[in-house]
Amino acid sequence: MVLHMEIGARLKEARETKGLSLEDLQETTKIQKRYLQAIESNDFQVLPGKFYTRAFIREYASAVGLDPEQVMEEHKNELPTYEEENTVQFSRVQKSKQEAAQKSGGTSRFLPTFLTVGLVVGVILVVWIFMQSGSEDSGAPADSSSSDEISVPAGSEEDTTEETSGDEEEAQAGEQEQNEDSGAEEEKAEEKEEDSEPEEKQPGVELSEEGTGSFPMHTYEVVPAGDSKVTVEFSGNVYMEIQSPQGGENLVTPREYTSADSPVTIDIGDKQEVYIKTGNAPGMTVNVDDQPVTFPDPELTTQKLLLQMKE
């Protein structure tokens, strides 16, 4: 047992004893060379989050033939804790929510003005239609009265009756045509109103923002199917955290899970966001009400998900 050595020096010595280069170790563990060098130098600030420092050290120890759990226990005082990483990540999520609230607030200030202008235009349009309709109705009696004032020679009463009857039939036909036009306009208005009704959102999961870097966070918009449950299944060992960013509430205990713990199911309830950290993305599947949430990069080990629930 080599307790007088720092953990980085101990790991480096084990690597050199096995005759492995940093490039060989990078190929075996899939951990970038610069992170391996940082571990050997005990420079843990370089790593992508203190939360994954422990996972990388376990991978390194296993690759050079050491017992990962024994190494972690013997050097536990040198290793960083999770509290600072959790606080930083939660602050980023809160900042994102505040920016979104400011954007939506700006839109709501212009909404009353927009509605007022729309109402005025609607009133003007109704008045114009009413005036047009009134002018058309007043035209029919004028034609009828003018036909009554036509003078005919004596003895032509029968001809006058026939002409008057023809004018009445023509007026009735015009009124019927006008009614038909009015009915067609009403049907078009009803169809337009039906088309303008907002469509009900269908359940689904959509990637709205893909994260970058070696420890990316991906944001998804989720329309739940009704059960409002998140189910996480995994194989092998995986460190996992699931939180509700609104109140910083842990929905499961942050720890390392095994395949015997799978699946883990969380009732979302009225939560608007669910935040998931994983140290074994390739061996994990996430579903919201049986709707799959896929990782953009299925090969990257360390990833984070932010699920935003939409009604």
Protein backbone atom coordinates (compact mmCIF):
# COMPACT_ATOMS: atom_id res chain seq x y z
CA MET A 1 0.00 0.00 0.00
CA VAL A 2 1.54 3.32 -1.11
CA LEU A 3 -0.23 5.89 1.04
CA HIS A 4 2.62 8.47 1.05
CA MET A 5 2.12 9.13 -2.74
CA GLU A 6 -0.56 11.42 -4.17
CA ILE A 7 -3.22 9.67 -6.21
CA GLY A 8 -1.98 11.16 -9.50
CA ALA A 9 1.60 10.01 -8.93
CA ARG A 10 0.38 6.56 -7.89
CA LEU A 11 -1.67 6.17 -11.06
CA LYS A 12 1.19 7.42 -13.26
CA GLU A 13 3.59 4.94 -11.64
CA ALA A 14 1.14 2.07 -12.28
CA ARG A 15 0.77 3.15 -15.94
CA GLU A 16 4.53 3.27 -16.50
CA THR A 17 4.96 -0.10 -14.75
CA LYS A 18 2.56 -1.65 -17.26
CA GLY A 19 4.46 0.03 -20.11
CA LEU A 20 1.46 2.11 -21.28
CA SER A 21 1.72 5.55 -22.88
CA LEU A 22 -0.88 8.28 -22.43
CA GLU A 23 -2.03 7.61 -25.99
CA ASP A 24 -2.54 3.91 -25.15
CA LEU A 25 -4.53 4.86 -22.05
CA GLN A 26 -6.63 7.36 -24.01
CA GLU A 27 -7.55 4.64 -26.51
CA THR A 28 -8.53 2.23 -23.70
CA THR A 29 -10.51 4.59 -21.44
CA LYS A 30 -11.86 7.04 -24.10
CA ILE A 31 -10.72 9.85 -21.79
CA GLN A 32 -8.90 12.73 -23.53
CA LYS A 33 -5.13 12.85 -23.07
CA ARG A 34 -5.17 16.31 -21.46
CA TYR A 35 -7.55 15.02 -18.77
CA LEU A 36 -5.29 12.03 -18.10
CA GLN A 37 -2.33 14.41 -17.69
CA ALA A 38 -4.40 16.58 -15.31
CA ILE A 39 -5.21 13.51 -13.16
CA GLU A 40 -1.52 12.54 -12.95
CA SER A 41 -0.72 16.13 -11.86
CA ASN A 42 -3.59 16.22 -9.31
CA ASP A 43 -4.86 19.27 -11.26
CA PHE A 44 -8.57 18.40 -11.00
CA GLN A 45 -9.73 21.92 -11.93
CA VAL A 46 -8.98 21.10 -15.59
CA LEU A 47 -11.49 18.22 -15.65
CA PRO A 48 -15.06 18.80 -16.96
CA GLY A 49 -16.72 19.17 -13.58
CA LYS A 50 -15.73 17.83 -10.16
CA PHE A 51 -18.64 15.47 -10.37
CA TYR A 52 -16.90 13.42 -13.10
CA THR A 53 -13.39 13.58 -11.65
CA ARG A 54 -14.19 10.51 -9.57
CA ALA A 55 -15.55 8.62 -12.58
CA PHE A 56 -12.42 9.37 -14.66
CA ILE A 57 -10.11 8.27 -11.82
CA ARG A 58 -11.99 4.97 -11.52
CA GLU A 59 -11.58 4.40 -15.27
CA TYR A 60 -7.85 5.22 -15.08
CA ALA A 61 -7.24 2.91 -12.06
CA SER A 62 -9.05 0.00 -13.68
CA ALA A 63 -7.09 0.41 -16.96
CA VAL A 64 -3.70 0.23 -15.18
CA GLY A 65 -4.62 -2.83 -13.07
CA LEU A 66 -5.49 -1.16 -9.75
CA ASP A 67 -8.64 -1.73 -7.68
CA PRO A 68 -10.72 1.45 -8.31
CA GLU A 69 -12.63 1.29 -5.04
CA GLN A 70 -9.49 0.71 -2.98
CA VAL A 71 -7.73 3.64 -4.68
CA MET A 72 -10.75 5.91 -4.10
CA GLU A 73 -10.94 4.94 -0.43
CA GLU A 74 -7.22 5.36 0.30
CA HIS A 75 -7.12 8.81 -1.40
CA LYS A 76 -10.59 10.07 -0.53
CA ASN A 77 -9.22 13.18 1.21
CA GLU A 78 -7.59 14.34 -2.06
CA LEU A 79 -10.76 14.06 -4.16
CA PRO A 80 -13.21 16.92 -4.78
CA THR A 81 -16.84 16.77 -3.63
CA TYR A 82 -20.05 17.31 -5.64
CA GLU A 83 -21.50 20.36 -3.81
CA GLU A 84 -19.75 23.08 -5.85
CA GLU A 85 -20.64 21.45 -9.21
CA ASN A 86 -24.32 21.17 -8.23
CA THR A 87 -24.44 24.83 -7.13
CA VAL A 88 -22.88 26.10 -10.39
CA GLN A 89 -25.16 24.01 -12.61
CA PHE A 90 -28.28 25.07 -10.70
CA SER A 91 -27.28 28.76 -11.06
CA ARG A 92 -27.00 28.32 -14.87
CA VAL A 93 -30.48 26.80 -15.05
CA GLN A 94 -31.96 29.62 -12.93
CA LYS A 95 -30.29 32.25 -15.17
CA SER A 96 -31.76 30.58 -18.26
CA LYS A 97 -35.24 30.66 -16.72
CA GLN A 98 -34.93 34.37 -15.81
CA GLU A 99 -33.89 35.28 -19.37
CA ALA A 100 -36.85 33.34 -20.77
CA ALA A 101 -39.22 35.13 -18.35
CA GLN A 102 -37.88 38.55 -19.44
CA LYS A 103 -38.47 37.71 -23.12
CA SER A 104 -42.04 36.57 -22.49
CA GLY A 105 -42.68 39.71 -20.38
CA GLY A 106 -41.64 41.95 -23.28
CA THR A 107 -44.11 40.25 -25.59
CA SER A 108 -46.98 40.63 -23.12
CA ARG A 109 -46.50 44.45 -22.99
CA PHE A 110 -47.33 44.75 -26.69
CA LEU A 111 -50.32 42.36 -26.58
CA PRO A 112 -52.97 44.87 -25.27
CA THR A 113 -52.08 47.41 -28.00
CA PHE A 114 -52.31 44.73 -30.69
CA LEU A 115 -55.75 43.61 -29.43
CA THR A 116 -57.04 47.18 -29.32
CA VAL A 117 -56.01 47.89 -32.93
CA GLY A 118 -57.59 44.60 -34.04
CA LEU A 119 -60.88 45.49 -32.29
CA VAL A 120 -61.06 48.93 -33.95
CA VAL A 121 -60.42 47.44 -37.40
CA GLY A 122 -63.12 44.81 -36.76
CA VAL A 123 -65.72 47.47 -35.80
CA ILE A 124 -64.95 49.51 -38.93
CA LEU A 125 -65.30 46.42 -41.10
CA VAL A 126 -68.70 45.51 -39.56
CA VAL A 127 -70.02 49.08 -40.10
CA TRP A 128 -68.87 49.07 -43.74
CA ILE A 129 -70.57 45.73 -44.44
CA PHE A 130 -73.79 46.99 -42.78
CA MET A 131 -73.79 50.16 -44.93
CA GLN A 132 -73.20 48.15 -48.12
CA SER A 133 -76.03 45.79 -47.26
CA GLY A 134 -78.38 48.75 -46.53
CA SER A 135 -77.63 50.42 -49.88
CA GLU A 136 -78.36 47.21 -51.79
CA ASP A 137 -81.70 46.70 -49.99
CA SER A 138 -82.82 50.28 -50.75
CA GLY A 139 -82.21 49.76 -54.51
CA ALA A 140 -84.90 47.08 -54.98
CA PRO A 141 -87.98 49.22 -54.03
CA ALA A 142 -86.72 52.05 -56.26
CA ASP A 143 -86.86 49.79 -59.32
CA SER A 144 -90.34 48.60 -58.34
CA SER A 145 -91.73 52.13 -57.91
CA SER A 146 -90.32 53.26 -61.24
CA SER A 147 -92.08 50.39 -63.00
CA ASP A 148 -95.38 51.42 -61.35
CA GLU A 149 -95.08 54.97 -62.77
CA ILE A 150 -94.91 53.81 -66.42
CA SER A 151 -97.94 55.14 -68.32
CA VAL A 152 -99.62 52.90 -70.89
CA PRO A 153 -102.37 53.60 -73.39
CA ALA A 154 -105.98 52.92 -72.46
CA GLY A 155 -107.07 49.40 -73.14
CA SER A 156 -103.57 47.96 -72.43
CA GLU A 157 -104.29 46.93 -68.83
CA GLU A 158 -103.38 43.31 -69.53
CA ASP A 159 -99.97 44.29 -70.94
CA THR A 160 -99.29 46.50 -67.89
CA THR A 161 -100.12 43.65 -65.51
CA GLU A 162 -97.75 41.32 -67.32
CA GLU A 163 -94.90 43.87 -67.20
CA THR A 164 -95.48 44.54 -63.49
CA SER A 165 -95.48 40.81 -62.79
CA GLY A 166 -92.17 40.45 -64.68
CA ASP A 167 -90.59 43.22 -62.62
CA GLU A 168 -91.70 41.57 -59.39
CA GLU A 169 -90.24 38.23 -60.48
CA GLU A 170 -86.96 39.94 -61.38
CA ALA A 171 -86.85 41.68 -57.98
CA GLN A 172 -87.52 38.38 -56.20
CA ALA A 173 -84.77 36.67 -58.19
CA GLY A 174 -82.34 39.46 -57.27
CA GLU A 175 -83.27 39.17 -53.59
CA GLN A 176 -82.80 35.38 -53.68
CA GLU A 177 -79.39 35.78 -55.33
CA GLN A 178 -78.40 38.31 -52.67
CA ASN A 179 -79.47 35.89 -49.92
CA GLU A 180 -77.43 33.11 -51.53
CA ASP A 181 -74.35 35.38 -51.68
CA SER A 182 -74.84 36.29 -48.02
CA GLY A 183 -75.12 32.62 -47.06
CA ALA A 184 -71.91 31.81 -48.97
CA GLU A 185 -70.06 34.60 -47.14
CA GLU A 186 -71.27 33.27 -43.78
CA GLU A 187 -70.07 29.75 -44.67
CA LYS A 188 -66.64 31.14 -45.64
CA ALA A 189 -66.46 33.07 -42.36
CA GLU A 190 -67.32 29.94 -40.38
CA GLU A 191 -64.69 27.90 -42.27
CA LYS A 192 -62.08 30.59 -41.64
CA GLU A 193 -62.95 30.63 -37.93
CA GLU A 194 -62.61 26.83 -37.75
CA ASP A 195 -59.23 26.99 -39.54
CA SER A 196 -57.95 29.64 -37.14
CA GLU A 197 -58.56 27.50 -34.05
CA PRO A 198 -55.20 26.45 -32.55
CA GLU A 199 -54.29 22.83 -33.06
CA GLU A 200 -53.92 20.71 -29.97
CA LYS A 201 -50.29 19.78 -29.35
CA GLN A 202 -49.52 16.10 -29.81
CA PRO A 203 -47.36 14.26 -27.26
CA GLY A 204 -43.71 14.14 -28.27
CA VAL A 205 -40.08 14.96 -27.47
CA GLU A 206 -38.08 17.48 -29.51
CA LEU A 207 -34.42 18.54 -29.13
CA SER A 208 -34.46 22.36 -28.92
CA GLU A 209 -30.78 22.99 -28.13
CA GLU A 210 -27.83 20.59 -28.43
CA GLY A 211 -25.01 21.05 -25.93
CA THR A 212 -21.31 21.20 -26.83
CA GLY A 213 -17.99 20.33 -25.23
CA SER A 214 -16.87 17.24 -23.34
CA PHE A 215 -19.69 17.53 -20.75
CA PRO A 216 -22.60 18.95 -22.80
CA MET A 217 -26.13 19.78 -21.61
CA HIS A 218 -28.92 19.13 -24.14
CA THR A 219 -32.33 20.87 -23.83
CA TYR A 220 -35.56 19.16 -24.93
CA GLU A 221 -39.17 20.38 -25.24
CA VAL A 222 -41.52 17.63 -24.06
CA VAL A 223 -45.31 17.39 -24.46
CA PRO A 224 -46.29 14.63 -21.97
CA ALA A 225 -48.83 11.98 -23.01
CA GLY A 226 -50.72 12.27 -19.73
CA ASP A 227 -49.01 9.96 -17.20
CA SER A 228 -46.23 12.51 -16.59
CA LYS A 229 -43.52 10.03 -15.59
CA VAL A 230 -39.79 9.87 -16.40
CA THR A 231 -38.31 6.36 -16.59
CA VAL A 232 -34.52 5.77 -16.69
CA GLU A 233 -33.09 2.35 -17.54
CA PHE A 234 -29.38 1.51 -17.48
CA SER A 235 -26.92 -1.37 -17.64
CA GLY A 236 -23.76 -1.59 -15.55
CA ASN A 237 -22.68 0.97 -12.96
CA VAL A 238 -23.58 4.64 -13.47
CA TYR A 239 -23.43 7.77 -11.34
CA MET A 240 -26.75 9.63 -11.77
CA GLU A 241 -28.49 12.76 -10.49
CA ILE A 242 -32.10 13.74 -11.25
CA GLN A 243 -33.31 17.14 -10.00
CA SER A 244 -36.14 19.66 -10.30
CA PRO A 245 -34.27 22.94 -11.05
CA GLN A 246 -37.16 25.17 -9.83
CA GLY A 247 -36.46 24.39 -6.20
CA GLY A 248 -33.20 22.49 -6.40
CA GLU A 249 -35.06 19.36 -5.28
CA ASN A 250 -33.35 15.99 -5.73
CA LEU A 251 -35.89 13.62 -7.28
CA VAL A 252 -33.57 10.65 -6.63
CA THR A 253 -30.57 10.26 -4.32
CA PRO A 254 -27.37 11.41 -6.15
CA ARG A 255 -25.14 8.32 -6.11
CA GLU A 256 -23.68 5.50 -8.17
CA TYR A 257 -26.37 3.06 -9.32
CA THR A 258 -26.04 -0.53 -10.53
CA SER A 259 -28.04 -2.53 -13.06
CA ALA A 260 -29.96 -4.03 -10.14
CA ASP A 261 -31.49 -0.58 -9.47
CA SER A 262 -32.86 -0.30 -13.04
CA PRO A 263 -35.37 1.00 -13.95
CA VAL A 264 -35.77 4.24 -11.95
CA THR A 265 -39.19 5.94 -12.38
CA ILE A 266 -40.00 9.51 -11.27
CA ASP A 267 -43.48 11.08 -11.10
CA ILE A 268 -43.15 14.54 -12.71
CA GLY A 269 -46.39 15.95 -11.27
CA ASP A 270 -46.59 19.72 -11.85
CA LYS A 271 -42.83 20.15 -12.37
CA GLN A 272 -41.96 22.30 -15.39
CA GLU A 273 -38.36 21.05 -15.76
CA VAL A 274 -36.43 17.88 -14.96
CA TYR A 275 -32.60 17.86 -14.97
CA ILE A 276 -30.62 14.60 -15.42
CA LYS A 277 -26.85 14.03 -15.10
CA THR A 278 -25.32 10.74 -16.20
CA GLY A 279 -21.84 9.24 -16.20
CA ASN A 280 -22.74 6.38 -18.54
CA ALA A 281 -24.86 7.75 -21.39
CA PRO A 282 -24.13 4.84 -23.79
CA GLY A 283 -25.62 2.38 -21.27
CA MET A 284 -28.70 4.46 -20.41
CA THR A 285 -32.14 5.06 -21.95
CA VAL A 286 -34.56 7.82 -20.87
CA ASN A 287 -38.32 7.89 -21.59
CA VAL A 288 -41.07 10.41 -20.79
CA ASP A 289 -44.45 8.63 -20.78
CA ASP A 290 -42.92 5.94 -23.06
CA GLN A 291 -41.59 8.66 -25.41
CA PRO A 292 -37.81 8.16 -25.91
CA VAL A 293 -35.31 10.96 -25.16
CA THR A 294 -32.26 10.17 -27.31
CA PHE A 295 -28.71 11.41 -26.63
CA PRO A 296 -27.36 13.42 -29.62
CA ASP A 297 -23.94 11.77 -29.20
CA PRO A 298 -24.51 8.12 -28.18
CA GLU A 299 -20.73 7.53 -27.75
CA LEU A 300 -19.99 10.35 -25.26
CA THR A 301 -19.92 9.06 -21.68
CA THR A 302 -20.67 12.21 -19.67
CA GLN A 303 -23.83 14.08 -20.70
CA LYS A 304 -26.66 16.12 -19.16
CA LEU A 305 -30.33 16.49 -20.13
CA LEU A 306 -32.76 19.35 -19.37
CA LEU A 307 -36.39 18.33 -20.04
CA GLN A 308 -38.79 21.30 -20.32
CA MET A 309 -42.46 20.26 -20.03
CA LYS A 310 -44.92 21.99 -22.41
CA GLU A 311 -48.74 21.88 -22.11
